Amino acid sequence: MKEFGKTTYIATHRFVELKYKIVIFPMTAFRATLKVNTDVYAEPSKKGTQVGILSELMSRENIYNFIDYYKYQRANSTTLNKAKQIILQRKG
């Protein structure tokens, strides 16, 4: 399903009823991203700073939680420690 096409909009529950296993929305997020980027970059252009839109942005903590950053950080630390142990064993 894409916006501004010839096909009428079909609700996701209707696709389920029609036994579709997957429906893609190939341009929806891209169009939204372009709109948001346009609005976001207009702010400092007009007002000289992004301070006026800070409440609309994801915090660092929200981003880290969204991408599960801490899991990767722990994995990286574990791998680094194992590598150090291997190096020390080879030297010893």
N, C-alpha and C. Protein backbone atom coordinates (compact mmCIF):
# COMPACT_ATOMS: atom_id res chain seq x y z
N MET A 1 0.85 -1.17 0.00
CA MET A 1 0.00 0.00 0.00
C MET A 1 0.89 1.23 0.00
N LYS A 2 0.60 2.12 -0.88
CA LYS A 2 1.34 3.38 -0.85
C LYS A 2 0.38 4.54 -0.96
N GLU A 3 0.85 5.66 -0.54
CA GLU A 3 0.03 6.85 -0.54
C GLU A 3 -0.03 7.45 -1.95
N PHE A 4 -1.13 8.09 -2.22
CA PHE A 4 -1.30 8.87 -3.44
C PHE A 4 -1.28 8.02 -4.71
N GLY A 5 -1.59 6.73 -4.57
CA GLY A 5 -1.66 5.85 -5.73
C GLY A 5 -3.08 5.75 -6.25
N LYS A 6 -3.30 4.80 -7.13
CA LYS A 6 -4.63 4.62 -7.73
C LYS A 6 -5.52 3.70 -6.89
N THR A 7 -4.88 2.82 -6.10
CA THR A 7 -5.64 1.89 -5.28
C THR A 7 -6.25 2.62 -4.09
N THR A 8 -7.49 2.28 -3.76
CA THR A 8 -8.09 2.86 -2.57
C THR A 8 -7.39 2.31 -1.34
N TYR A 9 -7.44 3.05 -0.27
CA TYR A 9 -6.79 2.61 0.97
C TYR A 9 -7.56 1.44 1.57
N ILE A 10 -6.81 0.41 1.94
CA ILE A 10 -7.39 -0.78 2.53
C ILE A 10 -6.85 -0.90 3.95
N ALA A 11 -7.74 -1.08 4.91
CA ALA A 11 -7.33 -1.21 6.31
C ALA A 11 -6.62 -2.54 6.54
N THR A 12 -5.68 -2.54 7.47
CA THR A 12 -4.91 -3.76 7.72
C THR A 12 -5.80 -4.93 8.13
N HIS A 13 -6.86 -4.67 8.88
CA HIS A 13 -7.75 -5.77 9.28
C HIS A 13 -8.41 -6.42 8.06
N ARG A 14 -8.60 -5.64 7.00
CA ARG A 14 -9.18 -6.20 5.76
C ARG A 14 -8.17 -7.13 5.08
N PHE A 15 -6.92 -6.77 5.11
CA PHE A 15 -5.90 -7.66 4.55
C PHE A 15 -5.88 -8.99 5.31
N VAL A 16 -6.04 -8.92 6.62
CA VAL A 16 -6.10 -10.14 7.42
C VAL A 16 -7.29 -10.98 6.97
N GLU A 17 -8.44 -10.34 6.81
CA GLU A 17 -9.64 -11.06 6.35
C GLU A 17 -9.42 -11.69 4.99
N LEU A 18 -8.65 -11.03 4.13
CA LEU A 18 -8.37 -11.53 2.79
C LEU A 18 -7.23 -12.56 2.78
N LYS A 19 -6.73 -12.89 3.97
CA LYS A 19 -5.68 -13.92 4.16
C LYS A 19 -4.30 -13.50 3.64
N TYR A 20 -4.05 -12.20 3.56
CA TYR A 20 -2.69 -11.75 3.23
C TYR A 20 -1.78 -12.07 4.39
N LYS A 21 -0.58 -12.54 4.10
CA LYS A 21 0.39 -12.83 5.14
C LYS A 21 1.27 -11.63 5.44
N ILE A 22 1.40 -10.75 4.49
CA ILE A 22 2.23 -9.57 4.68
C ILE A 22 1.71 -8.43 3.79
N VAL A 23 1.79 -7.25 4.32
CA VAL A 23 1.46 -6.04 3.56
C VAL A 23 2.59 -5.06 3.83
N ILE A 24 3.14 -4.48 2.80
CA ILE A 24 4.20 -3.50 3.00
C ILE A 24 3.67 -2.10 2.70
N PHE A 25 4.25 -1.16 3.35
CA PHE A 25 3.95 0.25 3.15
C PHE A 25 5.29 0.90 2.76
N PRO A 26 5.69 0.73 1.50
CA PRO A 26 7.06 1.05 1.10
C PRO A 26 7.47 2.51 1.19
N MET A 27 6.53 3.42 1.12
CA MET A 27 6.90 4.83 1.11
C MET A 27 6.45 5.60 2.35
N THR A 28 5.64 5.00 3.17
CA THR A 28 5.03 5.72 4.30
C THR A 28 6.08 6.31 5.23
N ALA A 29 6.98 5.49 5.72
CA ALA A 29 8.01 5.99 6.65
C ALA A 29 8.94 6.98 5.95
N PHE A 30 9.25 6.72 4.70
CA PHE A 30 10.12 7.63 3.96
C PHE A 30 9.48 9.00 3.81
N ARG A 31 8.20 9.03 3.46
CA ARG A 31 7.49 10.31 3.32
C ARG A 31 7.43 11.03 4.67
N ALA A 32 7.17 10.28 5.74
CA ALA A 32 7.11 10.88 7.07
C ALA A 32 8.48 11.45 7.46
N THR A 33 9.53 10.69 7.16
CA THR A 33 10.88 11.14 7.47
C THR A 33 11.21 12.43 6.73
N LEU A 34 10.87 12.49 5.47
CA LEU A 34 11.13 13.71 4.70
C LEU A 34 10.38 14.90 5.29
N LYS A 35 9.13 14.68 5.70
CA LYS A 35 8.33 15.76 6.29
C LYS A 35 8.96 16.23 7.60
N VAL A 36 9.31 15.28 8.46
CA VAL A 36 9.91 15.62 9.75
C VAL A 36 11.24 16.33 9.53
N ASN A 37 12.08 15.81 8.63
CA ASN A 37 13.37 16.44 8.37
C ASN A 37 13.20 17.87 7.89
N THR A 38 12.24 18.08 7.03
CA THR A 38 11.99 19.44 6.53
C THR A 38 11.61 20.36 7.67
N ASP A 39 10.71 19.90 8.54
CA ASP A 39 10.28 20.71 9.68
C ASP A 39 11.42 20.94 10.67
N VAL A 40 12.16 19.89 10.97
CA VAL A 40 13.24 19.99 11.95
C VAL A 40 14.33 20.95 11.48
N TYR A 41 14.75 20.84 10.24
CA TYR A 41 15.83 21.70 9.77
C TYR A 41 15.37 23.12 9.48
N ALA A 42 14.08 23.32 9.40
CA ALA A 42 13.57 24.69 9.24
C ALA A 42 13.72 25.47 10.54
N GLU A 43 13.63 24.77 11.67
CA GLU A 43 13.69 25.43 12.99
C GLU A 43 14.98 26.21 13.19
N PRO A 44 16.16 25.59 13.10
CA PRO A 44 17.37 26.40 13.29
C PRO A 44 17.59 27.40 12.16
N SER A 45 17.08 27.08 11.01
CA SER A 45 17.21 28.02 9.90
C SER A 45 16.43 29.30 10.19
N LYS A 46 15.23 29.15 10.76
CA LYS A 46 14.38 30.31 11.07
C LYS A 46 14.75 30.98 12.38
N LYS A 47 15.06 30.16 13.40
CA LYS A 47 15.23 30.71 14.74
C LYS A 47 16.67 30.70 15.24
N GLY A 48 17.56 30.11 14.47
CA GLY A 48 18.97 30.12 14.84
C GLY A 48 19.41 29.00 15.76
N THR A 49 18.47 28.21 16.27
CA THR A 49 18.80 27.11 17.17
C THR A 49 17.68 26.07 17.14
N GLN A 50 17.98 24.88 17.62
CA GLN A 50 16.99 23.80 17.67
C GLN A 50 16.27 23.74 19.01
N VAL A 51 16.51 24.69 19.90
CA VAL A 51 15.95 24.67 21.25
C VAL A 51 14.42 24.55 21.23
N GLY A 52 13.76 25.17 20.29
CA GLY A 52 12.31 25.16 20.23
C GLY A 52 11.69 23.80 19.92
N ILE A 53 12.48 22.85 19.46
CA ILE A 53 11.93 21.53 19.12
C ILE A 53 12.50 20.40 19.97
N LEU A 54 13.26 20.75 21.01
CA LEU A 54 13.89 19.72 21.84
C LEU A 54 12.87 18.74 22.42
N SER A 55 11.69 19.23 22.78
CA SER A 55 10.68 18.34 23.37
C SER A 55 10.14 17.33 22.35
N GLU A 56 10.37 17.56 21.08
CA GLU A 56 9.90 16.65 20.04
C GLU A 56 10.95 15.59 19.67
N LEU A 57 12.15 15.73 20.21
CA LEU A 57 13.23 14.82 19.86
C LEU A 57 13.33 13.68 20.87
N MET A 58 13.84 12.54 20.40
CA MET A 58 14.11 11.42 21.31
C MET A 58 15.35 11.76 22.12
N SER A 59 15.29 11.47 23.40
CA SER A 59 16.46 11.66 24.25
C SER A 59 17.49 10.57 23.95
N ARG A 60 18.69 10.79 24.42
CA ARG A 60 19.72 9.77 24.25
C ARG A 60 19.28 8.46 24.90
N GLU A 61 18.70 8.56 26.10
CA GLU A 61 18.25 7.36 26.81
C GLU A 61 17.17 6.62 26.01
N ASN A 62 16.23 7.37 25.42
CA ASN A 62 15.19 6.74 24.59
C ASN A 62 15.80 6.03 23.39
N ILE A 63 16.77 6.66 22.75
CA ILE A 63 17.43 6.04 21.60
C ILE A 63 18.15 4.77 22.03
N TYR A 64 18.91 4.86 23.12
CA TYR A 64 19.65 3.69 23.61
C TYR A 64 18.71 2.54 23.92
N ASN A 65 17.58 2.83 24.54
CA ASN A 65 16.61 1.78 24.83
C ASN A 65 16.00 1.22 23.55
N PHE A 66 15.71 2.09 22.61
CA PHE A 66 15.10 1.66 21.35
C PHE A 66 16.00 0.71 20.58
N ILE A 67 17.29 1.01 20.53
CA ILE A 67 18.22 0.16 19.76
C ILE A 67 18.88 -0.91 20.63
N ASP A 68 18.48 -0.99 21.90
CA ASP A 68 19.05 -1.95 22.84
C ASP A 68 20.56 -1.78 22.96
N TYR A 69 20.98 -0.54 23.04
CA TYR A 69 22.39 -0.17 23.07
C TYR A 69 23.15 -0.87 24.19
N TYR A 70 22.54 -0.93 25.36
CA TYR A 70 23.24 -1.48 26.52
C TYR A 70 23.57 -2.96 26.35
N LYS A 71 22.74 -3.68 25.62
CA LYS A 71 23.03 -5.09 25.32
C LYS A 71 24.31 -5.18 24.49
N TYR A 72 24.43 -4.32 23.49
CA TYR A 72 25.62 -4.32 22.65
C TYR A 72 26.85 -3.86 23.43
N GLN A 73 26.64 -2.91 24.30
CA GLN A 73 27.75 -2.42 25.13
C GLN A 73 28.27 -3.55 26.03
N ARG A 74 27.35 -4.31 26.64
CA ARG A 74 27.75 -5.46 27.48
C ARG A 74 28.47 -6.52 26.64
N ALA A 75 27.93 -6.80 25.46
CA ALA A 75 28.56 -7.80 24.58
C ALA A 75 29.96 -7.36 24.18
N ASN A 76 30.10 -6.08 23.89
CA ASN A 76 31.41 -5.54 23.51
C ASN A 76 32.40 -5.67 24.66
N SER A 77 31.94 -5.35 25.85
CA SER A 77 32.79 -5.45 27.03
C SER A 77 33.20 -6.90 27.29
N THR A 78 32.27 -7.82 27.16
CA THR A 78 32.54 -9.24 27.36
C THR A 78 33.57 -9.72 26.34
N THR A 79 33.38 -9.35 25.09
CA THR A 79 34.30 -9.76 24.03
C THR A 79 35.69 -9.18 24.26
N LEU A 80 35.75 -7.91 24.66
CA LEU A 80 37.03 -7.27 24.93
C LEU A 80 37.75 -7.98 26.07
N ASN A 81 37.03 -8.31 27.13
CA ASN A 81 37.64 -9.01 28.27
C ASN A 81 38.16 -10.39 27.87
N LYS A 82 37.41 -11.09 27.05
CA LYS A 82 37.86 -12.41 26.58
C LYS A 82 39.12 -12.27 25.72
N ALA A 83 39.13 -11.26 24.87
CA ALA A 83 40.30 -11.02 24.02
C ALA A 83 41.53 -10.71 24.87
N LYS A 84 41.36 -9.92 25.91
CA LYS A 84 42.47 -9.59 26.81
C LYS A 84 42.99 -10.85 27.49
N GLN A 85 42.09 -11.73 27.93
CA GLN A 85 42.49 -12.98 28.58
C GLN A 85 43.30 -13.85 27.62
N ILE A 86 42.85 -13.94 26.38
CA ILE A 86 43.56 -14.75 25.38
C ILE A 86 44.95 -14.19 25.14
N ILE A 87 45.06 -12.88 25.02
CA ILE A 87 46.36 -12.24 24.80
C ILE A 87 47.29 -12.50 25.98
N LEU A 88 46.77 -12.35 27.19
CA LEU A 88 47.58 -12.59 28.37
C LEU A 88 48.04 -14.04 28.47
N GLN A 89 47.17 -14.98 28.11
CA GLN A 89 47.52 -16.39 28.13
C GLN A 89 48.63 -16.68 27.13
N ARG A 90 48.57 -16.06 25.97
CA ARG A 90 49.59 -16.30 24.94
C ARG A 90 50.93 -15.71 25.34
N LYS A 91 50.90 -14.61 26.08
CA LYS A 91 52.14 -13.98 26.55
C LYS A 91 52.78 -14.76 27.67
N GLY A 92 51.90 -15.39 28.48
CA GLY A 92 52.38 -16.05 29.68
C GLY A 92 53.01 -17.36 29.41
